[in-house]
């Protein structure tokens, strides 16, 4: 029961962040197209396009979907050596890799959370022709790293329970773990 609640919560959280990331991509596309159109048609580009794209759209598009990509097993996997392992050794290796990933992304979550809190505290801005706040974009990193760590925790619980993958429709090197 608890596993199902955690599974549902992590999946919904990751999918929500994926949808926000898709909105960032769509907004970025529209913003850049409008900027280019206005620049060439009326010689009046939108002010702040570079800053908005760099500090908001790109950050959201890159870091927010990390958890959803992990849940779908679509991160790059290099299985040069693991493909020759026995199913038991492969399971152990994947569990160790996931545990290291949890520690790594947990550390990234913690550090970027501290950075986001500090940035919020002094209302971080960048040098520009106008006052441009960047502190809100600093929150995308800890949120994305949290989603990634939670997705790895979920994947690890499935590995410990000797289930092959989180998503039954996805096939990957860990699909033949159960003998």
Protein backbone atom coordinates (compact mmCIF):
# COMPACT_ATOMS: atom_id res chain seq x y z
CA UNK A 1 0.00 0.00 0.00
CA UNK A 2 2.73 2.47 1.01
CA UNK A 3 4.71 1.46 -2.09
CA UNK A 4 1.71 2.26 -4.29
CA UNK A 5 1.18 5.67 -2.66
CA UNK A 6 4.88 6.52 -3.05
CA UNK A 7 4.87 5.24 -6.65
CA UNK A 8 1.82 7.34 -7.52
CA UNK A 9 3.14 10.46 -5.79
CA UNK A 10 6.57 10.29 -7.45
CA UNK A 11 5.07 9.56 -10.87
CA UNK A 12 2.56 12.42 -10.64
CA UNK A 13 5.21 14.82 -9.32
CA UNK A 14 7.62 13.89 -12.11
CA UNK A 15 4.93 14.15 -14.79
CA UNK A 16 3.87 17.57 -13.46
CA UNK A 17 7.46 18.77 -13.74
CA UNK A 18 7.67 17.30 -17.24
CA UNK A 19 4.59 19.29 -18.24
CA UNK A 20 6.07 22.48 -16.78
CA UNK A 21 9.24 21.75 -18.74
CA UNK A 22 7.23 21.34 -21.94
CA UNK A 23 5.56 24.70 -21.24
CA UNK A 24 9.03 26.23 -20.88
CA UNK A 25 10.00 24.85 -24.28
CA UNK A 26 6.83 26.13 -25.94
CA UNK A 27 7.18 29.56 -24.32
CA UNK A 28 10.84 29.72 -25.31
CA UNK A 29 10.00 28.88 -28.90
CA UNK A 30 7.27 31.50 -29.05
CA UNK A 31 9.40 34.12 -27.33
CA UNK A 32 12.37 33.63 -29.66
CA UNK A 33 10.21 33.52 -32.81
CA UNK A 34 8.43 36.71 -31.75
CA UNK A 35 11.75 38.39 -30.94
CA UNK A 36 13.23 37.50 -34.33
CA UNK A 37 10.06 38.54 -36.16
CA UNK A 38 9.90 41.90 -34.40
CA UNK A 39 13.60 42.48 -34.96
CA UNK A 40 13.48 41.91 -38.71
CA UNK A 41 9.97 43.19 -39.43
CA UNK A 42 9.95 46.34 -37.27
CA UNK A 43 13.55 46.68 -36.07
CA UNK A 44 12.21 46.44 -32.52
CA UNK A 45 13.38 43.24 -30.80
CA UNK A 46 11.97 42.22 -27.45
CA UNK A 47 14.11 43.45 -24.61
CA UNK A 48 15.39 40.69 -22.32
CA UNK A 49 14.92 37.73 -24.63
CA UNK A 50 18.43 36.42 -24.05
CA UNK A 51 18.13 36.73 -20.27
CA UNK A 52 14.66 35.18 -20.13
CA UNK A 53 15.65 32.26 -22.35
CA UNK A 54 18.94 31.68 -20.52
CA UNK A 55 17.78 32.03 -16.94
CA UNK A 56 14.21 30.73 -17.07
CA UNK A 57 13.22 28.69 -20.10
CA UNK A 58 16.46 26.73 -20.52
CA UNK A 59 16.83 25.99 -16.83
CA UNK A 60 13.26 24.73 -16.60
CA UNK A 61 13.55 22.70 -19.79
CA UNK A 62 16.75 20.97 -18.68
CA UNK A 63 16.37 20.33 -14.95
CA UNK A 64 12.66 19.86 -14.30
CA UNK A 65 12.10 16.69 -16.38
CA UNK A 66 14.98 14.71 -14.83
CA UNK A 67 12.68 12.53 -12.71
CA UNK A 68 10.26 11.77 -15.54
CA UNK A 69 13.11 10.81 -17.86
CA UNK A 70 14.49 8.45 -15.21
CA UNK A 71 11.09 6.86 -14.59
CA UNK A 72 10.77 6.16 -18.31
CA UNK A 73 14.32 4.73 -18.36
CA UNK A 74 15.32 7.14 -21.10
CA UNK A 75 18.58 8.40 -19.64
CA UNK A 76 21.68 7.28 -21.48
CA UNK A 77 22.73 3.82 -20.29
CA UNK A 78 26.11 2.38 -21.17
CA UNK A 79 25.96 -1.37 -20.66
CA UNK A 80 29.28 -2.29 -22.22
CA UNK A 81 30.28 -4.55 -19.33
CA UNK A 82 27.04 -5.14 -17.46
CA UNK A 83 25.54 -7.02 -20.42
CA UNK A 84 27.96 -9.88 -19.70
CA UNK A 85 27.04 -10.12 -16.01
CA UNK A 86 24.78 -12.79 -14.60
CA UNK A 87 21.26 -11.59 -13.70
CA UNK A 88 22.14 -11.60 -9.99
CA UNK A 89 25.35 -9.59 -10.47
CA UNK A 90 23.49 -7.21 -12.79
CA UNK A 91 20.84 -6.67 -10.09
CA UNK A 92 23.53 -5.94 -7.49
CA UNK A 93 25.34 -3.56 -9.85
CA UNK A 94 22.17 -1.67 -10.71
CA UNK A 95 21.22 -1.38 -7.03
CA UNK A 96 24.66 0.01 -6.16
CA UNK A 97 24.51 2.44 -9.09
CA UNK A 98 21.05 3.61 -8.03
CA UNK A 99 22.17 4.05 -4.42
CA UNK A 100 25.16 6.10 -5.55
CA UNK A 101 22.81 8.15 -7.74
CA UNK A 102 20.49 8.76 -4.79
CA UNK A 103 23.42 10.04 -2.70
CA UNK A 104 24.71 12.15 -5.60
CA UNK A 105 21.39 13.76 -6.52
CA UNK A 106 20.47 14.09 -2.85
CA UNK A 107 23.67 16.09 -2.36
CA UNK A 108 22.94 18.19 -5.42
CA UNK A 109 19.41 18.78 -4.11
CA UNK A 110 20.74 19.90 -0.73
CA UNK A 111 23.40 22.24 -2.12
CA UNK A 112 21.17 23.82 -4.76
CA UNK A 113 18.42 24.22 -2.16
CA UNK A 114 20.85 26.19 0.02
CA UNK A 115 21.83 28.26 -3.03
CA UNK A 116 18.19 28.92 -3.93
CA UNK A 117 17.38 29.99 -0.37
CA UNK A 118 20.39 32.33 -0.35
CA UNK A 119 19.46 33.71 -3.77
CA UNK A 120 15.91 34.32 -2.54
CA UNK A 121 17.26 35.99 0.59
CA UNK A 122 19.02 38.75 -1.29
CA UNK A 123 16.68 38.76 -4.33
CA UNK A 124 19.44 37.90 -6.81
CA UNK A 125 19.55 39.91 -10.01
CA UNK A 126 21.88 40.06 -12.99
CA UNK A 127 23.41 43.02 -14.77
CA UNK A 128 21.17 44.06 -17.59
CA UNK A 129 19.61 47.16 -19.09
CA UNK A 130 16.87 46.78 -16.53
CA UNK A 131 16.29 45.04 -13.20
CA UNK A 132 16.16 41.30 -14.00
CA UNK A 133 15.48 38.94 -11.10
CA UNK A 134 16.98 35.47 -11.43
CA UNK A 135 16.28 34.11 -7.97
CA UNK A 136 13.03 32.35 -9.01
CA UNK A 137 14.90 30.27 -11.60
CA UNK A 138 17.29 29.03 -8.92
CA UNK A 139 14.47 26.86 -7.54
CA UNK A 140 14.30 24.69 -10.69
CA UNK A 141 17.55 22.92 -9.81
CA UNK A 142 16.63 21.60 -6.34
CA UNK A 143 13.15 20.66 -7.56
CA UNK A 144 14.58 18.76 -10.54
CA UNK A 145 17.26 17.06 -8.44
CA UNK A 146 14.64 16.08 -5.84
CA UNK A 147 12.51 14.52 -8.57
CA UNK A 148 15.53 12.61 -9.86
CA UNK A 149 16.45 11.34 -6.39
CA UNK A 150 12.85 10.25 -5.75
CA UNK A 151 12.73 8.47 -9.11
CA UNK A 152 15.96 6.64 -8.25
CA UNK A 153 14.54 5.67 -4.86
CA UNK A 154 11.47 4.28 -6.61
CA UNK A 155 13.59 2.39 -9.15
CA UNK A 156 15.74 0.99 -6.36
CA UNK A 157 12.73 -0.25 -4.42
CA UNK A 158 11.58 -2.06 -7.55
CA UNK A 159 15.03 -3.58 -7.97
CA UNK A 160 15.10 -4.68 -4.33
CA UNK A 161 11.69 -6.28 -4.84
CA UNK A 162 13.19 -7.99 -7.92
CA UNK A 163 10.80 -6.33 -10.29
CA UNK A 164 12.44 -5.59 -13.59
CA UNK A 165 11.52 -1.97 -14.31
CA UNK A 166 9.25 0.76 -13.11
CA UNK A 167 7.47 0.99 -16.44
CA UNK A 168 6.30 -2.33 -17.85
CA UNK A 169 6.22 -0.97 -21.42
CA UNK A 170 9.90 -0.02 -21.33
CA UNK A 171 12.59 -2.58 -22.00
CA UNK A 172 16.15 -2.18 -20.91
CA UNK A 173 19.14 -4.07 -19.56
CA UNK A 174 17.44 -4.68 -16.21
CA UNK A 175 14.38 -6.35 -17.77
CA UNK A 176 15.88 -9.83 -17.57
CA UNK A 177 16.78 -9.60 -13.89
CA UNK A 178 14.07 -11.97 -12.76
CA UNK A 179 15.00 -15.53 -13.56
